[in-house]
């Protein structure tokens, strides 16, 4: 089983339509506050695809490394963090889970992650750790708190080149065959959409089962 999470959704509707037209199960992680959040979430749910909140979290190097204005910063009080996360959930009620957008600093902080995960637990949502930091505590804290969780295995499109992305997809598929399942993350770049459209039907024919990421959280 292979779950493919498409991050950074919500800027436009055309990307979600192109991805839905591929005809395999994908999971869409939507950044709250982007202009087409509601339309993208509705479009995905209407076509039976899963929606997550793509939680904007403080990266290393902030503020030189930019983050959305509505993001979660380490200097915020726990109350402010909670208020923002509740706001995201209100904006994207279709969400069944969440993963981190950026967050290489935030996901290393146990206290702040516990605040976020506590709210997800209350709502019955799962958490996928995008692993933007190799020492993220996200999935560890989630497990300790009883939040269903999983972690990203492969990034598909760090290089926006169709050939490169196709190779990364093959790597993700091989990992899924070896381990039984894998989670890959990508973004709605033109090269990525092109690679997914050409490779996913082929991988499906070769025996890969594409599943929503909720199937792989434990």
N, C-alpha and C. Protein backbone atom coordinates (compact mmCIF):
# COMPACT_ATOMS: atom_id res chain seq x y z
N UNK A 1 0.85 -1.19 0.00
CA UNK A 1 0.00 0.00 0.00
C UNK A 1 0.88 1.25 0.00
N UNK A 2 0.50 2.21 -0.81
CA UNK A 2 1.25 3.47 -0.89
C UNK A 2 0.27 4.63 -0.75
N UNK A 3 0.54 5.50 0.23
CA UNK A 3 -0.25 6.72 0.40
C UNK A 3 0.57 7.89 -0.13
N UNK A 4 -0.04 8.68 -0.99
CA UNK A 4 0.62 9.88 -1.51
C UNK A 4 -0.12 11.10 -0.98
N UNK A 5 0.60 11.92 -0.22
CA UNK A 5 0.06 13.15 0.33
C UNK A 5 0.53 14.31 -0.53
N UNK A 6 -0.41 15.11 -1.02
CA UNK A 6 -0.06 16.30 -1.80
C UNK A 6 -0.18 17.51 -0.88
N UNK A 7 0.97 18.06 -0.51
CA UNK A 7 1.03 19.21 0.40
C UNK A 7 0.75 20.53 -0.32
N UNK A 8 0.64 21.59 0.48
CA UNK A 8 0.56 22.98 -0.04
C UNK A 8 -0.65 23.23 -0.93
N UNK A 9 -1.74 22.49 -0.71
CA UNK A 9 -2.94 22.71 -1.50
C UNK A 9 -3.71 23.92 -0.96
N UNK A 10 -4.49 24.54 -1.84
CA UNK A 10 -5.34 25.66 -1.42
C UNK A 10 -5.11 26.94 -2.19
N UNK A 11 -4.06 26.96 -3.03
CA UNK A 11 -3.81 28.19 -3.80
C UNK A 11 -4.78 28.31 -4.96
N UNK A 12 -5.05 27.19 -5.63
CA UNK A 12 -5.94 27.21 -6.79
C UNK A 12 -6.70 25.91 -6.91
N UNK A 13 -7.74 25.91 -7.74
CA UNK A 13 -8.60 24.73 -7.88
C UNK A 13 -8.14 23.83 -9.03
N UNK A 14 -7.44 24.40 -10.02
CA UNK A 14 -7.06 23.61 -11.19
C UNK A 14 -6.15 22.44 -10.81
N UNK A 15 -5.23 22.68 -9.85
CA UNK A 15 -4.31 21.61 -9.44
C UNK A 15 -5.07 20.40 -8.88
N UNK A 16 -6.04 20.69 -8.01
CA UNK A 16 -6.77 19.56 -7.40
C UNK A 16 -7.56 18.80 -8.47
N UNK A 17 -8.10 19.53 -9.44
CA UNK A 17 -8.86 18.84 -10.51
C UNK A 17 -7.94 17.96 -11.35
N UNK A 18 -6.76 18.48 -11.69
CA UNK A 18 -5.79 17.69 -12.48
C UNK A 18 -5.37 16.43 -11.72
N UNK A 19 -5.14 16.58 -10.42
CA UNK A 19 -4.72 15.44 -9.60
C UNK A 19 -5.85 14.43 -9.44
N UNK A 20 -7.07 14.90 -9.24
CA UNK A 20 -8.22 14.01 -9.10
C UNK A 20 -8.45 13.21 -10.37
N UNK A 21 -8.16 13.84 -11.52
CA UNK A 21 -8.39 13.18 -12.81
C UNK A 21 -7.44 12.00 -13.05
N UNK A 22 -6.36 11.90 -12.26
CA UNK A 22 -5.45 10.75 -12.40
C UNK A 22 -6.20 9.46 -12.05
N UNK A 23 -7.14 9.58 -11.12
CA UNK A 23 -8.02 8.44 -10.83
C UNK A 23 -7.47 7.44 -9.83
N UNK A 24 -6.53 7.86 -8.98
CA UNK A 24 -6.08 6.99 -7.88
C UNK A 24 -6.27 7.74 -6.57
N UNK A 25 -6.25 6.99 -5.47
CA UNK A 25 -6.44 7.60 -4.16
C UNK A 25 -5.25 8.49 -3.79
N UNK A 26 -5.55 9.75 -3.48
CA UNK A 26 -4.54 10.70 -3.02
C UNK A 26 -5.08 11.38 -1.77
N UNK A 27 -4.20 11.96 -0.97
CA UNK A 27 -4.61 12.71 0.22
C UNK A 27 -4.13 14.15 0.03
N UNK A 28 -5.03 15.10 0.25
CA UNK A 28 -4.72 16.51 0.00
C UNK A 28 -4.53 17.26 1.32
N UNK A 29 -3.33 17.82 1.52
CA UNK A 29 -3.02 18.59 2.73
C UNK A 29 -3.11 20.07 2.39
N UNK A 30 -4.10 20.74 3.00
CA UNK A 30 -4.46 22.11 2.63
C UNK A 30 -3.94 23.10 3.67
N UNK A 31 -3.25 24.15 3.20
CA UNK A 31 -2.76 25.18 4.12
C UNK A 31 -3.90 26.15 4.42
N UNK A 32 -4.28 26.28 5.71
CA UNK A 32 -5.35 27.22 6.03
C UNK A 32 -4.96 28.64 5.66
N UNK A 33 -5.96 29.43 5.26
CA UNK A 33 -5.71 30.83 4.93
C UNK A 33 -5.43 31.10 3.47
N UNK A 34 -5.17 30.06 2.68
CA UNK A 34 -4.94 30.28 1.25
C UNK A 34 -6.28 30.59 0.56
N UNK A 35 -6.24 31.24 -0.62
CA UNK A 35 -7.47 31.78 -1.21
C UNK A 35 -8.54 30.76 -1.59
N UNK A 36 -8.13 29.52 -1.97
CA UNK A 36 -9.12 28.56 -2.49
C UNK A 36 -9.31 27.35 -1.56
N UNK A 37 -9.05 27.56 -0.26
CA UNK A 37 -9.11 26.45 0.71
C UNK A 37 -10.45 25.71 0.65
N UNK A 38 -11.55 26.45 0.74
CA UNK A 38 -12.87 25.81 0.82
C UNK A 38 -13.20 25.06 -0.46
N UNK A 39 -12.89 25.68 -1.59
CA UNK A 39 -13.20 25.04 -2.87
C UNK A 39 -12.39 23.76 -3.06
N UNK A 40 -11.11 23.81 -2.70
CA UNK A 40 -10.24 22.63 -2.85
C UNK A 40 -10.73 21.50 -1.95
N UNK A 41 -11.05 21.84 -0.70
CA UNK A 41 -11.53 20.82 0.25
C UNK A 41 -12.83 20.18 -0.25
N UNK A 42 -13.74 21.00 -0.74
CA UNK A 42 -15.02 20.50 -1.24
C UNK A 42 -14.83 19.62 -2.47
N UNK A 43 -14.00 20.09 -3.37
CA UNK A 43 -13.74 19.35 -4.62
C UNK A 43 -13.19 17.95 -4.29
N UNK A 44 -12.23 17.89 -3.37
CA UNK A 44 -11.63 16.61 -2.98
C UNK A 44 -12.65 15.69 -2.33
N UNK A 45 -13.41 16.23 -1.37
CA UNK A 45 -14.37 15.39 -0.65
C UNK A 45 -15.47 14.89 -1.59
N UNK A 46 -15.87 15.76 -2.51
CA UNK A 46 -16.93 15.40 -3.48
C UNK A 46 -16.50 14.19 -4.31
N UNK A 47 -15.18 14.10 -4.55
CA UNK A 47 -14.65 12.99 -5.36
C UNK A 47 -14.15 11.85 -4.47
N UNK A 48 -14.51 11.89 -3.19
CA UNK A 48 -14.19 10.79 -2.27
C UNK A 48 -12.75 10.73 -1.81
N UNK A 49 -12.03 11.86 -1.91
CA UNK A 49 -10.63 11.87 -1.50
C UNK A 49 -10.46 12.55 -0.14
N UNK A 50 -9.41 12.15 0.55
CA UNK A 50 -9.20 12.59 1.92
C UNK A 50 -8.52 13.97 1.98
N UNK A 51 -8.91 14.74 2.99
CA UNK A 51 -8.37 16.08 3.19
C UNK A 51 -7.73 16.17 4.57
N UNK A 52 -6.56 16.79 4.62
CA UNK A 52 -5.88 17.06 5.89
C UNK A 52 -5.59 18.55 6.01
N UNK A 53 -5.35 18.99 7.25
CA UNK A 53 -4.86 20.35 7.47
C UNK A 53 -3.33 20.31 7.42
N UNK A 54 -2.76 21.19 6.61
CA UNK A 54 -1.31 21.29 6.49
C UNK A 54 -0.88 22.40 7.44
N UNK A 55 -0.52 22.03 8.66
CA UNK A 55 -0.30 22.98 9.76
C UNK A 55 0.95 23.82 9.53
N UNK A 56 0.81 25.13 9.31
CA UNK A 56 2.01 25.95 9.10
C UNK A 56 2.76 26.15 10.42
N UNK A 57 4.00 25.69 10.48
CA UNK A 57 4.77 25.69 11.72
C UNK A 57 6.16 26.30 11.50
N UNK A 58 6.67 26.91 12.55
CA UNK A 58 7.94 27.64 12.46
C UNK A 58 9.09 26.75 11.98
N UNK A 59 9.77 27.19 10.89
CA UNK A 59 10.94 26.47 10.42
C UNK A 59 12.22 27.01 11.05
N UNK A 60 13.29 26.29 10.92
CA UNK A 60 14.60 26.82 11.32
C UNK A 60 14.93 28.00 10.39
N UNK A 61 15.58 29.01 10.95
CA UNK A 61 15.94 30.17 10.14
C UNK A 61 14.83 31.20 10.02
N UNK A 62 13.70 30.98 10.73
CA UNK A 62 12.63 31.98 10.71
C UNK A 62 13.14 33.24 11.41
N UNK A 63 12.83 34.47 10.95
CA UNK A 63 11.90 34.81 9.87
C UNK A 63 12.53 34.93 8.48
N UNK A 64 13.85 34.76 8.35
CA UNK A 64 14.43 34.80 6.99
C UNK A 64 13.78 33.70 6.14
N UNK A 65 13.61 32.54 6.76
CA UNK A 65 12.85 31.46 6.12
C UNK A 65 11.38 31.79 6.37
N UNK A 66 10.69 32.16 5.32
CA UNK A 66 9.34 32.73 5.50
C UNK A 66 8.30 31.67 5.86
N UNK A 67 7.26 32.15 6.53
CA UNK A 67 6.13 31.29 6.92
C UNK A 67 4.86 32.11 6.78
N UNK A 68 3.75 31.45 6.51
CA UNK A 68 2.47 32.15 6.42
C UNK A 68 2.21 32.95 7.69
N UNK A 69 1.50 34.08 7.54
CA UNK A 69 1.21 34.96 8.68
C UNK A 69 0.38 34.28 9.76
N UNK A 70 -0.39 33.25 9.38
CA UNK A 70 -1.24 32.58 10.35
C UNK A 70 -0.57 31.36 10.99
N UNK A 71 0.78 31.24 10.80
CA UNK A 71 1.50 30.05 11.25
C UNK A 71 1.71 29.98 12.76
N UNK A 72 2.18 28.83 13.21
CA UNK A 72 2.44 28.56 14.63
C UNK A 72 3.91 28.84 14.93
N UNK A 73 4.15 29.78 15.85
CA UNK A 73 5.51 30.14 16.22
C UNK A 73 5.81 29.69 17.65
N UNK A 74 7.06 29.35 17.90
CA UNK A 74 7.47 28.88 19.23
C UNK A 74 7.29 29.95 20.30
N UNK A 75 7.35 31.23 19.91
CA UNK A 75 7.21 32.28 20.92
C UNK A 75 5.76 32.50 21.36
N UNK A 76 4.81 31.90 20.65
CA UNK A 76 3.41 32.06 21.04
C UNK A 76 3.12 31.29 22.32
N UNK A 77 2.21 31.82 23.11
CA UNK A 77 1.74 31.09 24.30
C UNK A 77 0.99 29.84 23.84
N UNK A 78 0.85 28.88 24.76
CA UNK A 78 0.09 27.67 24.44
C UNK A 78 -1.34 28.01 24.06
N UNK A 79 -1.89 29.05 24.70
CA UNK A 79 -3.27 29.47 24.41
C UNK A 79 -3.39 29.99 22.97
N UNK A 80 -2.38 30.76 22.55
CA UNK A 80 -2.38 31.30 21.17
C UNK A 80 -2.25 30.17 20.15
N UNK A 81 -1.38 29.21 20.45
CA UNK A 81 -1.21 28.05 19.56
C UNK A 81 -2.54 27.31 19.43
N UNK A 82 -3.18 27.07 20.57
CA UNK A 82 -4.46 26.34 20.58
C UNK A 82 -5.53 27.09 19.79
N UNK A 83 -5.56 28.40 19.98
CA UNK A 83 -6.57 29.22 19.29
C UNK A 83 -6.38 29.14 17.77
N UNK A 84 -5.13 29.20 17.34
CA UNK A 84 -4.85 29.14 15.90
C UNK A 84 -5.22 27.77 15.32
N UNK A 85 -4.87 26.70 16.04
CA UNK A 85 -5.19 25.36 15.53
C UNK A 85 -6.71 25.18 15.45
N UNK A 86 -7.43 25.65 16.46
CA UNK A 86 -8.90 25.57 16.41
C UNK A 86 -9.46 26.36 15.23
N UNK A 87 -8.81 27.49 14.92
CA UNK A 87 -9.21 28.28 13.75
C UNK A 87 -9.02 27.51 12.46
N UNK A 88 -7.90 26.78 12.34
CA UNK A 88 -7.66 25.97 11.14
C UNK A 88 -8.77 24.93 10.97
N UNK A 89 -9.12 24.30 12.09
CA UNK A 89 -10.12 23.22 12.04
C UNK A 89 -11.49 23.76 11.63
N UNK A 90 -11.76 24.97 12.06
CA UNK A 90 -13.03 25.61 11.69
C UNK A 90 -13.05 25.93 10.19
N UNK A 91 -11.89 26.33 9.69
CA UNK A 91 -11.78 26.71 8.28
C UNK A 91 -11.87 25.51 7.35
N UNK A 92 -11.35 24.36 7.81
CA UNK A 92 -11.33 23.15 6.97
C UNK A 92 -12.02 22.01 7.73
N UNK A 93 -13.36 22.08 7.85
CA UNK A 93 -14.07 21.06 8.65
C UNK A 93 -14.03 19.67 8.02
N UNK A 94 -13.68 19.59 6.74
CA UNK A 94 -13.60 18.28 6.06
C UNK A 94 -12.38 17.48 6.49
N UNK A 95 -11.43 18.11 7.20
CA UNK A 95 -10.16 17.45 7.52
C UNK A 95 -10.36 16.26 8.45
N UNK A 96 -9.68 15.17 8.13
CA UNK A 96 -9.71 13.97 8.98
C UNK A 96 -8.38 13.79 9.72
N UNK A 97 -7.39 14.63 9.38
CA UNK A 97 -6.08 14.54 10.02
C UNK A 97 -5.29 15.79 9.72
N UNK A 98 -4.01 15.78 10.10
CA UNK A 98 -3.15 16.94 9.88
C UNK A 98 -1.71 16.48 9.69
N UNK A 99 -0.94 17.31 8.98
CA UNK A 99 0.51 17.11 8.94
C UNK A 99 1.16 18.49 8.98
N UNK A 100 2.47 18.52 9.22
CA UNK A 100 3.14 19.81 9.37
C UNK A 100 3.63 20.36 8.05
N UNK A 101 3.42 21.66 7.88
CA UNK A 101 3.97 22.44 6.76
C UNK A 101 5.18 23.17 7.33
N UNK A 102 6.37 22.91 6.73
CA UNK A 102 7.62 23.43 7.31
C UNK A 102 7.78 22.84 8.72
N UNK A 103 8.05 23.70 9.72
CA UNK A 103 8.03 23.21 11.10
C UNK A 103 9.29 22.53 11.58
N UNK A 104 10.42 22.75 10.90
CA UNK A 104 11.64 22.05 11.34
C UNK A 104 12.05 22.45 12.75
N UNK A 105 11.67 23.66 13.20
CA UNK A 105 11.92 24.03 14.60
C UNK A 105 10.76 23.60 15.50
N UNK A 106 9.54 23.88 15.06
CA UNK A 106 8.36 23.63 15.91
C UNK A 106 8.21 22.15 16.26
N UNK A 107 8.45 21.27 15.29
CA UNK A 107 8.23 19.84 15.55
C UNK A 107 9.30 19.23 16.45
N UNK A 108 10.33 20.00 16.78
CA UNK A 108 11.35 19.51 17.73
C UNK A 108 10.98 19.86 19.18
N UNK A 109 9.88 20.63 19.36
CA UNK A 109 9.52 21.12 20.69
C UNK A 109 8.36 20.31 21.26
N UNK A 110 8.65 19.53 22.30
CA UNK A 110 7.65 18.62 22.87
C UNK A 110 6.44 19.36 23.41
N UNK A 111 6.69 20.46 24.12
CA UNK A 111 5.57 21.17 24.78
C UNK A 111 4.58 21.72 23.75
N UNK A 112 5.11 22.38 22.72
CA UNK A 112 4.23 22.98 21.72
C UNK A 112 3.53 21.91 20.88
N UNK A 113 4.25 20.84 20.55
CA UNK A 113 3.62 19.77 19.79
C UNK A 113 2.50 19.12 20.60
N UNK A 114 2.69 19.02 21.92
CA UNK A 114 1.64 18.43 22.78
C UNK A 114 0.36 19.27 22.74
N UNK A 115 0.51 20.59 22.64
CA UNK A 115 -0.67 21.47 22.56
C UNK A 115 -1.44 21.17 21.27
N UNK A 116 -0.72 21.13 20.17
CA UNK A 116 -1.35 20.87 18.86
C UNK A 116 -2.00 19.49 18.86
N UNK A 117 -1.25 18.50 19.31
CA UNK A 117 -1.74 17.12 19.26
C UNK A 117 -2.92 16.89 20.20
N UNK A 118 -2.94 17.64 21.29
CA UNK A 118 -4.07 17.55 22.23
C UNK A 118 -5.37 17.94 21.55
N UNK A 119 -5.31 18.98 20.72
CA UNK A 119 -6.52 19.44 20.01
C UNK A 119 -6.91 18.42 18.94
N UNK A 120 -5.93 17.89 18.23
CA UNK A 120 -6.24 16.87 17.23
C UNK A 120 -6.90 15.66 17.89
N UNK A 121 -6.40 15.28 19.07
CA UNK A 121 -6.96 14.12 19.78
C UNK A 121 -8.41 14.38 20.16
N UNK A 122 -8.69 15.57 20.68
CA UNK A 122 -10.07 15.94 21.06
C UNK A 122 -11.02 15.77 19.89
N UNK A 123 -10.54 16.09 18.69
CA UNK A 123 -11.39 16.05 17.50
C UNK A 123 -11.36 14.70 16.79
N UNK A 124 -10.56 13.77 17.31
CA UNK A 124 -10.47 12.46 16.68
C UNK A 124 -9.67 12.46 15.39
N UNK A 125 -8.75 13.43 15.25
CA UNK A 125 -7.92 13.54 14.04
C UNK A 125 -6.57 12.87 14.26
N UNK A 126 -5.97 12.38 13.18
CA UNK A 126 -4.64 11.78 13.24
C UNK A 126 -3.58 12.82 12.87
N UNK A 127 -2.29 12.45 13.08
CA UNK A 127 -1.18 13.33 12.73
C UNK A 127 -0.14 12.57 11.93
N UNK A 128 0.23 13.11 10.77
CA UNK A 128 1.33 12.56 9.97
C UNK A 128 2.51 13.50 10.11
N UNK A 129 3.62 12.98 10.59
CA UNK A 129 4.84 13.78 10.73
C UNK A 129 5.55 13.83 9.38
N UNK A 130 5.63 15.05 8.82
CA UNK A 130 6.29 15.21 7.51
C UNK A 130 7.80 15.02 7.59
N UNK A 131 8.33 14.99 8.82
CA UNK A 131 9.76 14.78 9.06
C UNK A 131 10.61 15.82 8.34
N UNK A 132 10.26 17.11 8.53
CA UNK A 132 11.10 18.17 7.98
C UNK A 132 12.34 18.37 8.84
N UNK A 133 12.33 17.80 10.04
CA UNK A 133 13.53 17.72 10.88
C UNK A 133 13.81 16.27 11.18
N UNK A 134 15.07 15.84 11.08
CA UNK A 134 15.38 14.43 11.39
C UNK A 134 15.18 14.11 12.87
N UNK A 135 15.12 15.15 13.72
CA UNK A 135 14.91 14.90 15.15
C UNK A 135 13.54 15.42 15.60
N UNK A 136 12.58 15.44 14.69
CA UNK A 136 11.20 15.79 15.05
C UNK A 136 10.69 14.84 16.13
N UNK A 137 9.94 15.42 17.09
CA UNK A 137 9.33 14.57 18.14
C UNK A 137 7.84 14.36 17.85
N UNK A 138 7.37 14.84 16.69
CA UNK A 138 5.94 14.82 16.39
C UNK A 138 5.28 13.47 16.55
N UNK A 139 5.78 12.46 15.86
CA UNK A 139 5.12 11.15 15.93
C UNK A 139 5.32 10.48 17.29
N UNK A 140 6.46 10.74 17.94
CA UNK A 140 6.70 10.18 19.28
C UNK A 140 5.69 10.73 20.29
N UNK A 141 5.52 12.06 20.29
CA UNK A 141 4.57 12.68 21.23
C UNK A 141 3.15 12.23 20.91
N UNK A 142 2.84 12.12 19.63
CA UNK A 142 1.50 11.65 19.23
C UNK A 142 1.24 10.26 19.79
N UNK A 143 2.20 9.36 19.65
CA UNK A 143 2.02 7.99 20.18
C UNK A 143 1.83 8.01 21.68
N UNK A 144 2.66 8.82 22.37
CA UNK A 144 2.55 8.91 23.84
C UNK A 144 1.17 9.39 24.27
N UNK A 145 0.57 10.27 23.46
CA UNK A 145 -0.72 10.87 23.81
C UNK A 145 -1.91 10.07 23.29
N UNK A 146 -1.62 9.00 22.55
CA UNK A 146 -2.71 8.18 22.02
C UNK A 146 -3.35 8.76 20.77
N UNK A 147 -2.58 9.58 20.03
CA UNK A 147 -3.06 10.11 18.75
C UNK A 147 -2.56 9.18 17.64
N UNK A 148 -3.46 8.76 16.76
CA UNK A 148 -3.02 7.90 15.64
C UNK A 148 -2.01 8.68 14.80
N UNK A 149 -0.94 8.01 14.42
CA UNK A 149 0.15 8.74 13.76
C UNK A 149 0.91 7.86 12.78
N UNK A 150 1.69 8.52 11.94
CA UNK A 150 2.61 7.87 11.01
C UNK A 150 3.61 8.94 10.59
N UNK A 151 4.65 8.53 9.87
CA UNK A 151 5.67 9.50 9.43
C UNK A 151 5.95 9.30 7.94
N UNK A 152 6.31 10.41 7.31
CA UNK A 152 6.67 10.39 5.88
C UNK A 152 7.91 9.54 5.65
N UNK A 153 7.88 8.75 4.59
CA UNK A 153 9.04 7.95 4.20
C UNK A 153 9.86 8.57 3.08
N UNK A 154 9.18 9.13 2.07
CA UNK A 154 9.89 9.63 0.88
C UNK A 154 9.32 10.99 0.48
N UNK A 155 10.21 11.95 0.19
CA UNK A 155 9.81 13.19 -0.48
C UNK A 155 9.98 12.95 -1.98
N UNK A 156 8.95 13.25 -2.75
CA UNK A 156 9.00 12.93 -4.18
C UNK A 156 9.61 14.02 -5.04
N UNK A 157 9.42 15.29 -4.64
CA UNK A 157 9.74 16.36 -5.60
C UNK A 157 10.61 17.48 -5.03
N UNK A 158 11.64 17.11 -4.27
CA UNK A 158 12.61 18.13 -3.83
C UNK A 158 13.28 18.77 -5.04
N UNK A 159 13.39 18.00 -6.12
CA UNK A 159 13.85 18.54 -7.41
C UNK A 159 12.66 18.46 -8.36
N UNK A 160 12.31 19.60 -8.96
CA UNK A 160 11.12 19.64 -9.81
C UNK A 160 11.49 19.25 -11.24
N UNK A 161 11.65 17.95 -11.39
CA UNK A 161 12.03 17.38 -12.69
C UNK A 161 11.27 16.06 -12.84
N UNK A 162 10.60 15.88 -13.95
CA UNK A 162 9.73 14.71 -14.14
C UNK A 162 10.51 13.41 -13.96
N UNK A 163 11.72 13.34 -14.52
CA UNK A 163 12.53 12.12 -14.40
C UNK A 163 12.90 11.82 -12.95
N UNK A 164 13.31 12.85 -12.23
CA UNK A 164 13.67 12.68 -10.82
C UNK A 164 12.46 12.22 -10.02
N UNK A 165 11.32 12.86 -10.22
CA UNK A 165 10.11 12.54 -9.46
C UNK A 165 9.67 11.10 -9.76
N UNK A 166 9.79 10.70 -11.01
CA UNK A 166 9.44 9.32 -11.40
C UNK A 166 10.33 8.31 -10.67
N UNK A 167 11.63 8.63 -10.56
CA UNK A 167 12.55 7.74 -9.81
C UNK A 167 12.16 7.66 -8.34
N UNK A 168 11.79 8.81 -7.76
CA UNK A 168 11.38 8.83 -6.35
C UNK A 168 10.11 8.01 -6.14
N UNK A 169 9.20 8.07 -7.10
CA UNK A 169 7.98 7.26 -7.02
C UNK A 169 8.30 5.77 -7.05
N UNK A 170 9.26 5.40 -7.90
CA UNK A 170 9.69 4.00 -7.94
C UNK A 170 10.29 3.58 -6.61
N UNK A 171 11.08 4.48 -6.01
CA UNK A 171 11.66 4.19 -4.69
C UNK A 171 10.56 4.01 -3.64
N UNK A 172 9.55 4.87 -3.67
CA UNK A 172 8.44 4.76 -2.71
C UNK A 172 7.68 3.45 -2.91
N UNK A 173 7.47 3.07 -4.17
CA UNK A 173 6.77 1.82 -4.48
C UNK A 173 7.57 0.62 -4.00
N UNK A 174 8.89 0.65 -4.21
CA UNK A 174 9.75 -0.44 -3.75
C UNK A 174 9.72 -0.56 -2.23
N UNK A 175 9.71 0.57 -1.56
CA UNK A 175 9.64 0.57 -0.10
C UNK A 175 8.31 -0.03 0.37
N UNK A 176 7.22 0.34 -0.31
CA UNK A 176 5.90 -0.20 0.03
C UNK A 176 5.88 -1.73 -0.15
N UNK A 177 6.50 -2.21 -1.23
CA UNK A 177 6.56 -3.66 -1.47
C UNK A 177 7.34 -4.37 -0.37
N UNK A 178 8.45 -3.76 0.02
CA UNK A 178 9.34 -4.37 1.01
C UNK A 178 8.72 -4.37 2.41
N UNK A 179 8.12 -3.25 2.78
CA UNK A 179 7.63 -3.08 4.15
C UNK A 179 6.13 -3.32 4.31
N UNK A 180 5.44 -3.38 3.17
CA UNK A 180 3.98 -3.52 3.22
C UNK A 180 3.26 -2.22 2.98
N UNK A 181 3.91 -1.10 3.36
CA UNK A 181 3.28 0.22 3.13
C UNK A 181 4.35 1.30 3.17
N UNK A 182 4.01 2.46 2.61
CA UNK A 182 4.90 3.62 2.65
C UNK A 182 4.06 4.88 2.44
N UNK A 183 4.62 6.00 2.92
CA UNK A 183 3.97 7.31 2.74
C UNK A 183 4.93 8.22 2.00
N UNK A 184 4.44 8.79 0.89
CA UNK A 184 5.24 9.72 0.10
C UNK A 184 4.55 11.08 0.11
N UNK A 185 5.35 12.14 0.13
CA UNK A 185 4.82 13.51 0.12
C UNK A 185 5.32 14.24 -1.12
N UNK A 186 4.42 15.02 -1.73
CA UNK A 186 4.80 15.83 -2.87
C UNK A 186 4.00 17.13 -2.84
N UNK A 187 4.13 17.93 -3.90
CA UNK A 187 3.50 19.25 -3.97
C UNK A 187 2.88 19.43 -5.35
N UNK A 188 1.92 20.34 -5.50
CA UNK A 188 1.21 20.44 -6.79
C UNK A 188 1.96 21.24 -7.86
N UNK A 189 3.25 20.93 -8.04
CA UNK A 189 4.02 21.57 -9.11
C UNK A 189 3.64 20.93 -10.46
N UNK A 190 3.75 21.67 -11.55
CA UNK A 190 3.45 21.08 -12.86
C UNK A 190 4.23 19.79 -13.13
N UNK A 191 5.53 19.78 -12.82
CA UNK A 191 6.35 18.57 -13.07
C UNK A 191 5.85 17.39 -12.23
N UNK A 192 5.43 17.68 -11.01
CA UNK A 192 4.94 16.62 -10.12
C UNK A 192 3.64 16.04 -10.67
N UNK A 193 2.73 16.92 -11.05
CA UNK A 193 1.43 16.44 -11.58
C UNK A 193 1.66 15.60 -12.84
N UNK A 194 2.59 16.05 -13.68
CA UNK A 194 2.91 15.30 -14.91
C UNK A 194 3.46 13.91 -14.58
N UNK A 195 4.39 13.86 -13.61
CA UNK A 195 5.00 12.58 -13.23
C UNK A 195 3.95 11.65 -12.60
N UNK A 196 3.13 12.18 -11.72
CA UNK A 196 2.09 11.36 -11.08
C UNK A 196 1.13 10.81 -12.13
N UNK A 197 0.73 11.66 -13.06
CA UNK A 197 -0.23 11.23 -14.08
C UNK A 197 0.32 10.11 -14.95
N UNK A 198 1.63 10.12 -15.21
CA UNK A 198 2.20 9.07 -16.07
C UNK A 198 2.58 7.82 -15.27
N UNK A 199 3.01 7.99 -14.01
CA UNK A 199 3.56 6.85 -13.25
C UNK A 199 2.53 6.10 -12.41
N UNK A 200 1.55 6.80 -11.83
CA UNK A 200 0.65 6.14 -10.88
C UNK A 200 -0.19 5.03 -11.53
N UNK A 201 -0.76 5.26 -12.73
CA UNK A 201 -1.49 4.15 -13.36
C UNK A 201 -0.59 2.93 -13.62
N UNK A 202 0.66 3.20 -14.00
CA UNK A 202 1.61 2.10 -14.24
C UNK A 202 1.87 1.32 -12.96
N UNK A 203 2.13 2.04 -11.86
CA UNK A 203 2.41 1.38 -10.59
C UNK A 203 1.19 0.59 -10.10
N UNK A 204 0.01 1.14 -10.36
CA UNK A 204 -1.22 0.43 -9.99
C UNK A 204 -1.31 -0.90 -10.73
N UNK A 205 -1.00 -0.87 -12.00
CA UNK A 205 -1.01 -2.10 -12.81
C UNK A 205 0.01 -3.10 -12.30
N UNK A 206 1.11 -2.58 -11.73
CA UNK A 206 2.17 -3.45 -11.22
C UNK A 206 1.88 -3.95 -9.80
N UNK A 207 0.70 -3.63 -9.29
CA UNK A 207 0.29 -4.21 -8.00
C UNK A 207 0.36 -3.29 -6.80
N UNK A 208 0.71 -2.02 -7.00
CA UNK A 208 0.69 -1.07 -5.89
C UNK A 208 -0.76 -0.64 -5.64
N UNK A 209 -1.17 -0.69 -4.38
CA UNK A 209 -2.51 -0.21 -4.01
C UNK A 209 -2.36 1.17 -3.40
N UNK A 210 -3.00 2.15 -4.03
CA UNK A 210 -2.94 3.52 -3.51
C UNK A 210 -4.08 3.70 -2.49
N UNK A 211 -3.71 4.18 -1.32
CA UNK A 211 -4.67 4.30 -0.22
C UNK A 211 -4.63 5.70 0.38
N UNK A 212 -5.74 6.15 0.99
CA UNK A 212 -5.67 7.40 1.75
C UNK A 212 -4.74 7.20 2.94
N UNK A 213 -4.09 8.27 3.37
CA UNK A 213 -3.07 8.12 4.42
C UNK A 213 -3.67 7.64 5.75
N UNK A 214 -4.97 7.85 5.94
CA UNK A 214 -5.62 7.36 7.18
C UNK A 214 -5.50 5.85 7.34
N UNK A 215 -5.33 5.14 6.21
CA UNK A 215 -5.19 3.68 6.29
C UNK A 215 -3.86 3.27 6.92
N UNK A 216 -2.89 4.19 6.94
CA UNK A 216 -1.54 3.83 7.38
C UNK A 216 -1.17 4.41 8.73
N UNK A 217 -2.09 5.14 9.35
CA UNK A 217 -1.77 5.66 10.70
C UNK A 217 -2.16 4.61 11.74
N UNK A 218 -1.41 4.59 12.83
CA UNK A 218 -1.67 3.59 13.88
C UNK A 218 -1.68 4.27 15.24
